[in-house]
Amino acid sequence: MAAQDVLGQTARLASSSALLQVLFRVVTFGLNAFTLRYLSRELIGVVNVRLTLLYSTVVFLAREAFRRACLSGSAKRNWTKTINLLWLTVPLGVFWSLILGLVWLHLLEVPDPSVVPHYQAGVVAFGLSAVIELLGEPFWVLAQAHLFVRLKVIAESLSVLSKCFLTITLVILYPQWGLYIFSLAQLLYVSVLVMCYVIYFVMFLGSPEATKKSFPVARVKALLPNFVEDETFVNWKEARLTWSFFKQSFLKQILTEGERYVMTFLNVLNFGDQGVYDIVNNLGSLVARFIFLPIEESFYVFFAKVLERGKTVKDQKQDDVAMAANVLELLLKLVLLIGLTITIFGYAYSQLALDIYGGSMLSSGTGPDLLRCYSLYVLFLAVNGITECFTFALMCKEEVDRYNFVMLALSFIFLCISYFLTHWYGSVGFILANCFNMGIRIAHSTHYIYDYFKESTHRPLTGLLPSPALQLVYIISAVITAFSEVLFCCDKGWMARLIHISTGALCFTATLVTMFCTETELIHFVRNQ
């Protein structure tokens, strides 16, 4: 497949994934606002922090390394061996589910049954849901490698909507069920997700469309583990790369979910405070999850297909290098401008957003400061996502192994900083520690990108420099909106709030106009893709 075709399909996959994430976060956003009026914040804290951490840890440790290894390189490969390798995620998921389930049940603090009933059933259900989701991993990787955009949209939309519908129904009818509500909803979510992929491939394989596309898998039976006579069960090159990524993924999970591990294992916040932190965290991470993550996942596939892992820039096709460098520069510029916009306007509008969303329970205390810090953290997330996306797509096995040692040291430092900053600054300390963590990772990735392109004429890191005019508009907007918050927000009535909102809208419009006038190449790239 030509590099230009890969770019087009990757951009469509990224945009579709972004739209999906918008749907998911909007639904979750509304669901949290709804459940806050029926259930205690302690129950929400246990579900969104404790049980979701169990599920995400099992799934991440069992499949993340396999995904990265099996999505590297061309889609033309021995798919029988790749599928065999992917099925190993299931026993690995069972292993992690059992081990971590015992830890969650017997080593961690158990919530008060009168406040959070049916905790044990919740642990079992969330661990089981992780294993069920891993049953669809070969189907997911096959679809992702061949850029099946529509399948992903339909499967994830149906699963999320089913989960939300069941949750709302049970919360209204049986609020006393406690964790049973979220356990049943989680099991329904993963079941619908896996069944969508299975049903699609059962119908697709052997069809005229599959034959026309020369799809590498001809029968449904080929999607199950298969032994091939006189050949190894798996591709050992992929298996070794998976092992390297596995060691890295273990550390990356600690860094990604570090604050939840600290909350869960060190009890620095009670379940109620965990619930408030999670609500504010979800509100602050809306853009990071529905824009940055889909771009990162989709363009990881693009860079992995266009450039060959482990080769220097001189050994690559120069046309592909030029395209990859240009795309990387524009992606960095895109996420940087989104991140800067959120940081600037998030500072002045955090308290208003929380007051509208959750009332005084969220807008008083540390809630506004937490969301302001998260607005800054989004900027770090934006840049780190793209720089690591490129770095991980190009690193050879030895470089991945070396990076694992960096991640190990960073994990230890991050956990220590999180612990101390949380004792000093409460939940805000988690965000500050995450900013430090992301800053170090950005420094490593940008150093790798600089070294990779230094023997070429391409300088994609210039994407991290906005135009001087845009920088000036950002500074003026920050000052004006900050003064507006002091004068008009948030206890001076709705008329004052409307003035504050109007001030922000004018500054935001001026920022967009400046962006369109000065960043013409970026605007052209976004429109074309």
Protein backbone atom coordinates (compact mmCIF):
# COMPACT_ATOMS: atom_id res chain seq x y z
CA MET A 1 0.00 0.00 0.00
CA ALA A 2 1.43 3.41 -0.99
CA ALA A 3 2.41 5.80 1.78
CA GLN A 4 -0.15 8.38 0.58
CA ASP A 5 -2.94 5.77 0.76
CA VAL A 6 -1.85 4.75 4.25
CA LEU A 7 -1.91 8.41 5.31
CA GLY A 8 -5.44 8.89 3.96
CA GLN A 9 -6.82 5.76 5.63
CA THR A 10 -4.97 6.51 8.86
CA ALA A 11 -6.42 10.03 8.97
CA ARG A 12 -9.92 8.62 8.46
CA LEU A 13 -9.30 6.10 11.23
CA ALA A 14 -8.08 8.87 13.54
CA SER A 15 -11.07 11.11 12.81
CA SER A 16 -13.53 8.24 13.27
CA SER A 17 -11.84 7.24 16.51
CA ALA A 18 -11.98 10.86 17.67
CA LEU A 19 -15.72 11.01 16.94
CA LEU A 20 -16.16 7.76 18.85
CA GLN A 21 -14.29 9.16 21.82
CA VAL A 22 -16.45 12.28 21.69
CA LEU A 23 -19.53 10.07 21.90
CA PHE A 24 -18.08 7.98 24.73
CA ARG A 25 -16.94 10.93 26.82
CA VAL A 26 -20.19 12.88 26.30
CA VAL A 27 -22.19 9.83 27.35
CA THR A 28 -19.92 9.20 30.34
CA PHE A 29 -20.03 12.92 31.16
CA GLY A 30 -23.82 12.82 31.28
CA LEU A 31 -23.84 9.47 33.09
CA ASN A 32 -21.63 10.82 35.89
CA ALA A 33 -23.82 13.90 36.27
CA PHE A 34 -26.87 11.61 36.41
CA THR A 35 -25.46 9.08 38.90
CA LEU A 36 -24.24 11.85 41.21
CA ARG A 37 -27.90 12.57 41.94
CA TYR A 38 -28.74 8.95 42.83
CA LEU A 39 -25.59 7.33 44.25
CA SER A 40 -22.97 8.29 46.82
CA ARG A 41 -19.62 9.70 45.78
CA GLU A 42 -18.00 6.82 47.74
CA LEU A 43 -19.66 4.29 45.43
CA ILE A 44 -18.57 6.27 42.37
CA GLY A 45 -15.03 6.41 43.78
CA VAL A 46 -14.86 2.63 44.22
CA VAL A 47 -16.20 1.96 40.70
CA ASN A 48 -14.25 4.61 38.79
CA VAL A 49 -10.98 4.24 40.68
CA ARG A 50 -10.67 0.85 42.41
CA LEU A 51 -12.59 -1.51 40.06
CA THR A 52 -11.79 0.30 36.82
CA LEU A 53 -8.11 0.16 37.79
CA LEU A 54 -8.38 -3.63 38.18
CA TYR A 55 -9.96 -3.97 34.73
CA SER A 56 -7.57 -1.60 32.96
CA THR A 57 -4.50 -3.17 34.58
CA VAL A 58 -5.44 -6.70 33.53
CA VAL A 59 -6.29 -5.64 29.97
CA PHE A 60 -3.22 -3.44 29.59
CA LEU A 61 -0.73 -5.99 30.89
CA ALA A 62 -2.28 -8.79 28.84
CA ARG A 63 -2.58 -7.11 25.45
CA GLU A 64 -0.70 -3.79 25.08
CA ALA A 65 2.63 -5.41 24.18
CA PHE A 66 0.96 -7.78 21.71
CA ARG A 67 -0.85 -4.91 20.00
CA ARG A 68 2.31 -2.85 19.53
CA ALA A 69 4.33 -5.79 18.23
CA CYS A 70 1.66 -7.19 15.91
CA LEU A 71 0.73 -3.81 14.41
CA SER A 72 4.35 -3.04 13.50
CA GLY A 73 5.44 -3.53 9.89
CA SER A 74 3.39 -4.43 6.85
CA ALA A 75 -0.07 -6.00 6.89
CA LYS A 76 1.40 -8.63 4.55
CA ARG A 77 2.74 -11.28 6.90
CA ASN A 78 2.11 -14.82 8.09
CA TRP A 79 -1.18 -14.04 9.81
CA THR A 80 -1.55 -17.59 11.12
CA LYS A 81 1.47 -17.10 13.38
CA THR A 82 0.41 -13.59 14.34
CA ILE A 83 -3.06 -14.81 15.31
CA ASN A 84 -1.52 -17.65 17.32
CA LEU A 85 0.56 -15.10 19.20
CA LEU A 86 -2.47 -12.90 19.86
CA TRP A 87 -4.43 -15.78 21.41
CA LEU A 88 -1.79 -15.92 24.14
CA THR A 89 -3.37 -12.75 25.53
CA VAL A 90 -6.26 -14.84 26.90
CA PRO A 91 -4.30 -17.13 29.28
CA LEU A 92 -2.17 -14.13 30.21
CA GLY A 93 -5.35 -12.22 31.02
CA VAL A 94 -6.67 -15.11 33.15
CA PHE A 95 -3.36 -15.15 35.05
CA TRP A 96 -3.37 -11.42 35.77
CA SER A 97 -7.08 -11.43 36.59
CA LEU A 98 -6.64 -14.15 39.22
CA ILE A 99 -3.53 -12.63 40.79
CA LEU A 100 -4.81 -9.07 40.90
CA GLY A 101 -8.31 -10.19 41.90
CA LEU A 102 -6.86 -11.83 45.02
CA VAL A 103 -4.93 -8.66 45.80
CA TRP A 104 -8.06 -6.51 45.39
CA LEU A 105 -10.07 -8.85 47.62
CA HIS A 106 -7.65 -9.67 50.41
CA LEU A 107 -4.83 -7.12 50.56
CA LEU A 108 -6.58 -3.81 49.89
CA GLU A 109 -8.94 -1.93 52.20
CA VAL A 110 -12.50 -3.21 51.76
CA PRO A 111 -15.18 -0.47 51.56
CA ASP A 112 -17.90 -0.27 54.22
CA PRO A 113 -20.69 -2.65 52.99
CA SER A 114 -23.37 -0.24 54.21
CA VAL A 115 -21.99 2.50 51.92
CA VAL A 116 -20.62 0.38 49.05
CA PRO A 117 -22.45 -2.98 48.96
CA HIS A 118 -21.38 -6.09 46.99
CA TYR A 119 -17.69 -5.21 46.66
CA GLN A 120 -16.57 -8.84 46.21
CA ALA A 121 -19.00 -9.40 43.34
CA GLY A 122 -17.70 -6.24 41.70
CA VAL A 123 -14.09 -7.44 41.80
CA VAL A 124 -15.03 -10.78 40.23
CA ALA A 125 -17.17 -9.16 37.52
CA PHE A 126 -14.57 -6.57 36.48
CA GLY A 127 -11.81 -9.21 36.38
CA LEU A 128 -14.02 -11.50 34.29
CA SER A 129 -14.89 -8.65 31.92
CA ALA A 130 -11.20 -8.15 31.17
CA VAL A 131 -10.82 -11.80 30.14
CA ILE A 132 -13.95 -11.65 27.96
CA GLU A 133 -12.63 -8.58 26.14
CA LEU A 134 -9.32 -10.35 25.42
CA LEU A 135 -11.24 -13.04 23.51
CA GLY A 136 -11.74 -10.47 20.77
CA GLU A 137 -8.09 -9.39 20.55
CA PRO A 138 -7.17 -11.29 17.33
CA PHE A 139 -10.23 -9.80 15.63
CA TRP A 140 -9.39 -6.28 16.83
CA VAL A 141 -5.76 -6.40 15.65
CA LEU A 142 -6.76 -7.83 12.27
CA ALA A 143 -9.33 -5.04 11.83
CA GLN A 144 -6.92 -2.33 12.99
CA ALA A 145 -4.10 -3.55 10.73
CA HIS A 146 -6.43 -3.36 7.71
CA LEU A 147 -7.96 -0.04 8.83
CA PHE A 148 -11.58 -1.26 9.16
CA VAL A 149 -12.95 2.09 10.31
CA ARG A 150 -16.67 1.34 10.11
CA LEU A 151 -16.35 -1.84 12.19
CA LYS A 152 -14.65 -0.01 15.04
CA VAL A 153 -17.25 2.77 15.00
CA ILE A 154 -20.22 0.39 15.11
CA ALA A 155 -18.75 -2.04 17.67
CA GLU A 156 -17.64 0.54 20.20
CA SER A 157 -20.73 2.70 19.78
CA LEU A 158 -23.11 -0.21 20.39
CA SER A 159 -21.15 -1.46 23.40
CA VAL A 160 -20.96 1.94 25.10
CA LEU A 161 -24.62 2.78 24.47
CA SER A 162 -25.69 -0.66 25.76
CA LYS A 163 -23.65 -0.17 28.91
CA CYS A 164 -25.07 3.30 29.56
CA PHE A 165 -28.66 2.23 28.92
CA LEU A 166 -28.40 -0.66 31.39
CA THR A 167 -26.65 1.52 33.99
CA ILE A 168 -29.31 4.25 33.86
CA THR A 169 -32.14 1.70 33.98
CA LEU A 170 -30.73 -0.12 37.02
CA VAL A 171 -29.78 3.12 38.84
CA ILE A 172 -33.37 4.35 38.54
CA LEU A 173 -35.08 1.05 39.36
CA TYR A 174 -32.66 -0.62 41.81
CA PRO A 175 -30.26 1.95 43.33
CA GLN A 176 -29.82 -0.34 46.35
CA TRP A 177 -28.02 -2.92 44.18
CA GLY A 178 -24.81 -0.90 44.50
CA LEU A 179 -21.91 -2.48 42.63
CA TYR A 180 -24.18 -5.07 41.00
CA ILE A 181 -25.35 -2.26 38.70
CA PHE A 182 -21.88 -1.43 37.39
CA SER A 183 -20.78 -5.07 37.31
CA LEU A 184 -23.66 -6.10 35.02
CA ALA A 185 -23.14 -3.03 32.84
CA GLN A 186 -19.41 -3.77 32.47
CA LEU A 187 -20.07 -7.40 31.50
CA LEU A 188 -22.64 -6.28 28.93
CA TYR A 189 -20.18 -3.75 27.48
CA VAL A 190 -17.37 -6.24 26.79
CA SER A 191 -19.80 -8.94 25.57
CA VAL A 192 -21.37 -6.62 22.97
CA LEU A 193 -17.93 -5.37 21.91
CA VAL A 194 -16.51 -8.85 21.30
CA MET A 195 -19.67 -10.14 19.60
CA CYS A 196 -19.65 -7.25 17.13
CA TYR A 197 -16.15 -8.14 15.95
CA VAL A 198 -16.89 -11.87 15.83
CA ILE A 199 -20.15 -11.45 13.89
CA TYR A 200 -18.51 -9.06 11.43
CA PHE A 201 -15.68 -11.45 10.55
CA VAL A 202 -18.03 -14.44 10.34
CA MET A 203 -19.99 -12.53 7.70
CA PHE A 204 -16.99 -10.91 6.00
CA LEU A 205 -14.64 -13.87 5.53
CA GLY A 206 -15.39 -15.76 2.35
CA SER A 207 -17.55 -12.93 0.99
CA PRO A 208 -16.96 -11.37 -2.46
CA GLU A 209 -15.70 -8.21 -0.73
CA ALA A 210 -13.00 -10.18 1.12
CA THR A 211 -11.98 -11.90 -2.10
CA LYS A 212 -11.82 -8.59 -3.95
CA LYS A 213 -9.57 -7.10 -1.26
CA SER A 214 -7.35 -10.25 -1.25
CA PHE A 215 -7.88 -10.48 2.50
CA PRO A 216 -5.12 -12.66 4.02
CA VAL A 217 -7.53 -14.76 6.13
CA ALA A 218 -9.99 -16.88 4.15
CA ARG A 219 -11.94 -18.84 6.78
CA VAL A 220 -13.30 -18.23 10.27
CA LYS A 221 -11.38 -21.29 11.46
CA ALA A 222 -8.16 -19.49 10.57
CA LEU A 223 -8.93 -16.95 13.32
CA LEU A 224 -8.51 -19.69 15.94
CA PRO A 225 -5.13 -21.04 17.11
CA ASN A 226 -3.66 -23.28 14.39
CA PHE A 227 -0.65 -25.58 14.36
CA VAL A 228 1.23 -25.64 11.05
CA GLU A 229 3.30 -28.74 10.35
CA ASP A 230 7.07 -28.21 10.25
CA GLU A 231 6.67 -24.57 11.30
CA THR A 232 6.89 -22.73 14.61
CA PHE A 233 3.65 -21.91 16.41
CA VAL A 234 4.41 -18.18 16.45
CA ASN A 235 6.68 -15.72 14.66
CA TRP A 236 9.61 -15.56 17.06
CA LYS A 237 10.65 -12.11 15.87
CA GLU A 238 7.21 -10.80 16.84
CA ALA A 239 7.35 -12.79 20.08
CA ARG A 240 10.70 -11.26 21.10
CA LEU A 241 9.45 -7.79 20.23
CA THR A 242 6.31 -8.51 22.29
CA TRP A 243 8.45 -9.45 25.28
CA SER A 244 10.37 -6.18 24.97
CA PHE A 245 7.14 -4.21 24.78
CA PHE A 246 5.70 -6.23 27.68
CA LYS A 247 8.51 -5.17 30.00
CA GLN A 248 7.91 -1.62 28.87
CA SER A 249 4.11 -1.83 29.14
CA PHE A 250 4.33 -2.91 32.77
CA LEU A 251 6.18 0.30 33.56
CA LYS A 252 4.05 2.44 31.27
CA GLN A 253 0.90 1.27 33.07
CA ILE A 254 2.35 2.42 36.39
CA LEU A 255 3.12 5.80 34.87
CA THR A 256 -0.26 6.09 33.12
CA GLU A 257 -2.39 5.08 36.12
CA GLY A 258 0.12 6.05 38.80
CA GLU A 259 -2.20 8.27 40.82
CA ARG A 260 -4.84 5.52 40.99
CA TYR A 261 -2.26 3.02 42.22
CA VAL A 262 -1.13 5.46 44.90
CA MET A 263 -4.78 6.08 45.93
CA THR A 264 -5.55 2.35 45.91
CA PHE A 265 -2.51 0.96 47.68
CA LEU A 266 -1.41 3.83 49.95
CA ASN A 267 -4.86 5.16 51.02
CA VAL A 268 -3.83 8.81 50.73
CA LEU A 269 -7.46 9.77 49.92
CA ASN A 270 -10.70 8.31 51.24
CA PHE A 271 -13.24 6.80 48.82
CA GLY A 272 -15.32 10.00 48.77
CA ASP A 273 -12.32 12.18 47.84
CA GLN A 274 -11.34 9.60 45.24
CA GLY A 275 -14.81 9.98 43.74
CA VAL A 276 -14.47 13.77 43.48
CA TYR A 277 -10.95 13.46 42.05
CA ASP A 278 -12.14 10.99 39.42
CA ILE A 279 -15.06 13.21 38.36
CA VAL A 280 -12.77 16.23 37.97
CA ASN A 281 -10.15 14.05 36.29
CA ASN A 282 -12.70 12.79 33.74
CA LEU A 283 -13.88 16.32 33.06
CA GLY A 284 -10.30 17.52 32.58
CA SER A 285 -9.31 14.62 30.35
CA LEU A 286 -12.19 14.94 27.87
CA VAL A 287 -10.08 16.41 25.08
CA ALA A 288 -7.06 14.24 25.87
CA ARG A 289 -9.11 11.08 25.48
CA PHE A 290 -11.35 11.89 22.55
CA ILE A 291 -8.80 13.76 20.40
CA PHE A 292 -5.21 12.98 21.40
CA LEU A 293 -5.56 9.23 22.03
CA PRO A 294 -7.24 8.40 18.67
CA ILE A 295 -4.60 10.47 16.83
CA GLU A 296 -1.81 8.68 18.69
CA GLU A 297 -3.23 5.19 18.05
CA SER A 298 -3.96 5.80 14.38
CA PHE A 299 -0.73 7.58 13.43
CA TYR A 300 1.30 4.95 15.27
CA VAL A 301 -0.01 2.60 12.57
CA PHE A 302 0.90 5.19 9.90
CA PHE A 303 4.50 5.66 11.05
CA ALA A 304 4.97 1.90 11.56
CA LYS A 305 3.79 1.19 8.00
CA VAL A 306 5.58 4.03 6.19
CA LEU A 307 8.99 3.73 7.93
CA GLU A 308 10.80 0.50 8.77
CA ARG A 309 11.57 -0.18 12.41
CA GLY A 310 15.24 -0.20 13.36
CA LYS A 311 16.56 1.43 10.14
CA THR A 312 18.34 4.79 10.07
CA VAL A 313 16.88 7.71 8.18
CA LYS A 314 19.42 7.20 5.36
CA ASP A 315 18.32 3.59 4.82
CA GLN A 316 14.64 4.50 4.41
CA LYS A 317 12.90 5.53 1.20
CA GLN A 318 13.47 9.28 1.09
CA ASP A 319 9.98 10.09 -0.20
CA ASP A 320 8.52 8.21 2.76
CA VAL A 321 10.92 9.99 5.14
CA ALA A 322 9.84 13.37 3.78
CA MET A 323 6.17 12.51 4.18
CA ALA A 324 6.64 11.11 7.70
CA ALA A 325 8.66 14.18 8.78
CA ASN A 326 6.05 16.57 7.39
CA VAL A 327 3.18 14.65 9.02
CA LEU A 328 5.04 14.54 12.35
CA GLU A 329 5.73 18.29 12.24
CA LEU A 330 2.08 19.11 11.50
CA LEU A 331 0.77 16.68 14.13
CA LEU A 332 3.03 18.27 16.75
CA LYS A 333 1.77 21.72 15.74
CA LEU A 334 -1.86 20.53 15.85
CA VAL A 335 -1.74 18.97 19.32
CA LEU A 336 0.40 21.82 20.67
CA LEU A 337 -2.16 24.45 19.64
CA ILE A 338 -5.03 22.38 21.06
CA GLY A 339 -3.11 21.92 24.30
CA LEU A 340 -2.18 25.60 24.60
CA THR A 341 -5.78 26.66 23.98
CA ILE A 342 -7.04 24.34 26.73
CA THR A 343 -4.34 25.51 29.15
CA ILE A 344 -5.01 29.22 28.57
CA PHE A 345 -8.81 29.09 28.71
CA GLY A 346 -9.00 26.22 31.21
CA TYR A 347 -7.33 28.33 33.88
CA ALA A 348 -10.02 31.02 33.85
CA TYR A 349 -13.06 28.79 33.33
CA SER A 350 -12.40 25.76 35.59
CA GLN A 351 -14.46 27.01 38.54
CA LEU A 352 -17.40 27.98 36.31
CA ALA A 353 -17.36 24.61 34.53
CA LEU A 354 -17.38 22.68 37.82
CA ASP A 355 -20.11 24.86 39.31
CA ILE A 356 -22.39 24.28 36.32
CA TYR A 357 -21.62 20.54 36.20
CA GLY A 358 -21.76 19.47 39.83
CA GLY A 359 -22.70 22.48 41.92
CA SER A 360 -20.86 23.55 45.05
CA MET A 361 -19.76 19.96 45.79
CA LEU A 362 -17.24 20.25 42.94
CA SER A 363 -16.68 24.01 42.58
CA SER A 364 -15.69 24.51 46.22
CA GLY A 365 -12.53 23.22 47.86
CA THR A 366 -9.72 21.89 45.70
CA GLY A 367 -11.91 21.13 42.66
CA PRO A 368 -11.12 24.32 40.66
CA ASP A 369 -7.38 24.16 41.42
CA LEU A 370 -7.37 20.51 40.39
CA LEU A 371 -9.01 21.29 37.04
CA ARG A 372 -6.66 24.25 36.44
CA CYS A 373 -3.65 22.01 36.96
CA TYR A 374 -5.20 19.42 34.70
CA SER A 375 -5.54 22.05 31.97
CA LEU A 376 -1.74 22.43 32.08
CA TYR A 377 -1.31 18.65 32.20
CA VAL A 378 -3.33 18.34 28.96
CA LEU A 379 -0.60 20.32 27.18
CA PHE A 380 2.01 17.81 28.37
CA LEU A 381 -0.25 14.92 27.34
CA ALA A 382 -0.72 16.40 23.87
CA VAL A 383 2.98 16.67 23.05
CA ASN A 384 3.97 13.41 24.73
CA GLY A 385 1.35 11.40 22.85
CA ILE A 386 2.68 12.31 19.40
CA THR A 387 6.39 12.21 20.25
CA GLU A 388 6.08 8.76 21.85
CA CYS A 389 3.82 7.61 19.01
CA PHE A 390 6.65 8.25 16.52
CA THR A 391 9.39 6.98 18.84
CA PHE A 392 7.72 3.65 19.62
CA ALA A 393 6.90 3.07 15.95
CA LEU A 394 10.60 3.39 14.98
CA MET A 395 12.54 1.94 17.92
CA CYS A 396 14.28 -1.38 17.32
CA LYS A 397 14.21 -4.13 19.97
CA GLU A 398 17.49 -3.02 21.56
CA GLU A 399 16.31 0.58 21.82
CA VAL A 400 13.04 -0.56 23.38
CA ASP A 401 15.00 -2.59 25.93
CA ARG A 402 17.20 0.40 26.79
CA TYR A 403 14.14 2.59 27.17
CA ASN A 404 12.71 0.08 29.64
CA PHE A 405 15.48 0.99 32.08
CA VAL A 406 14.60 4.66 31.72
CA MET A 407 10.95 3.84 32.41
CA LEU A 408 11.92 1.77 35.46
CA ALA A 409 13.79 4.68 37.05
CA LEU A 410 11.02 7.09 36.05
CA SER A 411 8.35 4.84 37.57
CA PHE A 412 10.09 4.80 40.94
CA ILE A 413 10.68 8.58 40.92
CA PHE A 414 7.07 9.23 39.85
CA LEU A 415 5.55 7.11 42.62
CA CYS A 416 7.75 8.77 45.25
CA ILE A 417 6.91 12.27 44.00
CA SER A 418 3.19 11.39 43.84
CA TYR A 419 3.23 10.17 47.43
CA PHE A 420 4.95 13.26 48.84
CA LEU A 421 3.14 15.85 46.72
CA THR A 422 -0.21 14.29 47.67
CA HIS A 423 0.63 14.61 51.35
CA TRP A 424 1.58 18.26 50.82
CA TYR A 425 -1.03 19.42 48.28
CA GLY A 426 -3.76 16.76 48.37
CA SER A 427 -5.18 15.53 45.07
CA VAL A 428 -3.53 18.43 43.19
CA GLY A 429 -0.22 16.72 43.93
CA PHE A 430 -1.18 13.89 41.59
CA ILE A 431 -1.48 16.27 38.65
CA LEU A 432 1.81 18.00 39.46
CA ALA A 433 3.58 14.62 39.61
CA ASN A 434 2.05 13.65 36.27
CA CYS A 435 3.32 16.88 34.70
CA PHE A 436 6.83 16.04 35.89
CA ASN A 437 6.50 12.50 34.54
CA MET A 438 5.29 13.67 31.14
CA GLY A 439 8.01 16.31 30.94
CA ILE A 440 10.75 13.69 31.34
CA ARG A 441 9.12 11.42 28.74
CA ILE A 442 8.78 14.31 26.28
CA ALA A 443 12.46 15.15 26.74
CA HIS A 444 13.45 11.55 25.94
CA SER A 445 11.21 11.30 22.87
CA THR A 446 12.21 14.66 21.41
CA HIS A 447 15.87 13.71 21.86
CA TYR A 448 15.22 10.48 19.92
CA ILE A 449 13.42 12.38 17.13
CA TYR A 450 16.23 14.96 16.91
CA ASP A 451 18.87 12.23 16.66
CA TYR A 452 16.82 10.31 14.07
CA PHE A 453 16.47 13.26 11.67
CA LYS A 454 19.80 15.02 12.30
CA GLU A 455 21.41 13.36 9.26
CA SER A 456 18.59 14.56 7.01
CA THR A 457 17.31 17.97 5.99
CA HIS A 458 14.01 17.50 7.86
CA ARG A 459 13.37 19.19 11.22
CA PRO A 460 9.90 18.07 12.40
CA LEU A 461 10.43 19.42 15.94
CA THR A 462 9.90 22.94 14.59
CA GLY A 463 6.21 22.01 14.87
CA LEU A 464 6.56 22.81 18.58
CA LEU A 465 6.98 26.53 17.81
CA PRO A 466 3.75 28.50 17.21
CA SER A 467 3.93 31.70 15.19
CA PRO A 468 4.93 34.87 17.16
CA ALA A 469 1.56 36.48 16.44
CA LEU A 470 -0.29 33.48 17.87
CA GLN A 471 1.93 33.46 20.96
CA LEU A 472 1.05 37.11 21.56
CA VAL A 473 -2.69 36.43 21.21
CA TYR A 474 -2.42 33.56 23.71
CA ILE A 475 -0.71 35.83 26.27
CA ILE A 476 -3.29 38.61 25.86
CA SER A 477 -6.17 36.09 26.12
CA ALA A 478 -4.72 34.60 29.31
CA VAL A 479 -4.48 38.01 30.99
CA ILE A 480 -7.96 39.19 29.91
CA THR A 481 -9.78 35.97 30.91
CA ALA A 482 -7.97 35.81 34.26
CA PHE A 483 -9.12 39.36 35.11
CA SER A 484 -12.61 38.48 33.87
CA GLU A 485 -12.79 35.55 36.30
CA VAL A 486 -11.81 37.75 39.23
CA LEU A 487 -14.39 40.39 38.32
CA PHE A 488 -17.36 38.30 37.19
CA CYS A 489 -17.10 34.70 38.44
CA CYS A 490 -18.67 32.84 40.05
CA ASP A 491 -20.83 34.12 42.94
CA LYS A 492 -22.09 37.35 41.33
CA GLY A 493 -25.14 35.98 39.55
CA TRP A 494 -25.89 34.68 36.06
CA MET A 495 -25.49 38.05 34.33
CA ALA A 496 -21.90 38.28 35.56
CA ARG A 497 -21.31 34.71 34.44
CA LEU A 498 -22.62 35.52 30.97
CA ILE A 499 -20.20 38.48 30.75
CA HIS A 500 -17.35 36.17 31.76
CA ILE A 501 -18.40 33.61 29.14
CA SER A 502 -18.73 36.30 26.46
CA THR A 503 -15.27 37.60 27.26
CA GLY A 504 -13.84 34.12 26.81
CA ALA A 505 -15.75 33.64 23.55
CA LEU A 506 -14.28 36.84 22.10
CA CYS A 507 -10.75 35.86 23.11
CA PHE A 508 -11.25 32.37 21.73
CA THR A 509 -12.52 33.79 18.41
CA ALA A 510 -9.48 36.07 18.17
CA THR A 511 -7.24 33.05 18.80
CA LEU A 512 -8.93 31.00 16.06
CA VAL A 513 -8.74 33.84 13.54
CA THR A 514 -5.03 34.32 14.25
CA MET A 515 -4.52 30.57 13.95
CA PHE A 516 -6.21 30.45 10.53
CA CYS A 517 -4.15 33.40 9.29
CA THR A 518 -0.71 32.28 10.53
CA GLU A 519 -0.82 28.46 10.47
CA THR A 520 -1.96 28.00 6.87
CA GLU A 521 -0.06 24.76 6.23
CA LEU A 522 -1.61 23.14 9.29
CA ILE A 523 -5.12 24.26 8.29
CA HIS A 524 -4.55 22.80 4.81
CA PHE A 525 -3.39 19.49 6.33
CA VAL A 526 -6.42 19.21 8.63
CA ARG A 527 -8.87 20.04 5.84
CA ASN A 528 -7.35 17.53 3.41
CA GLN A 529 -7.20 14.67 5.88
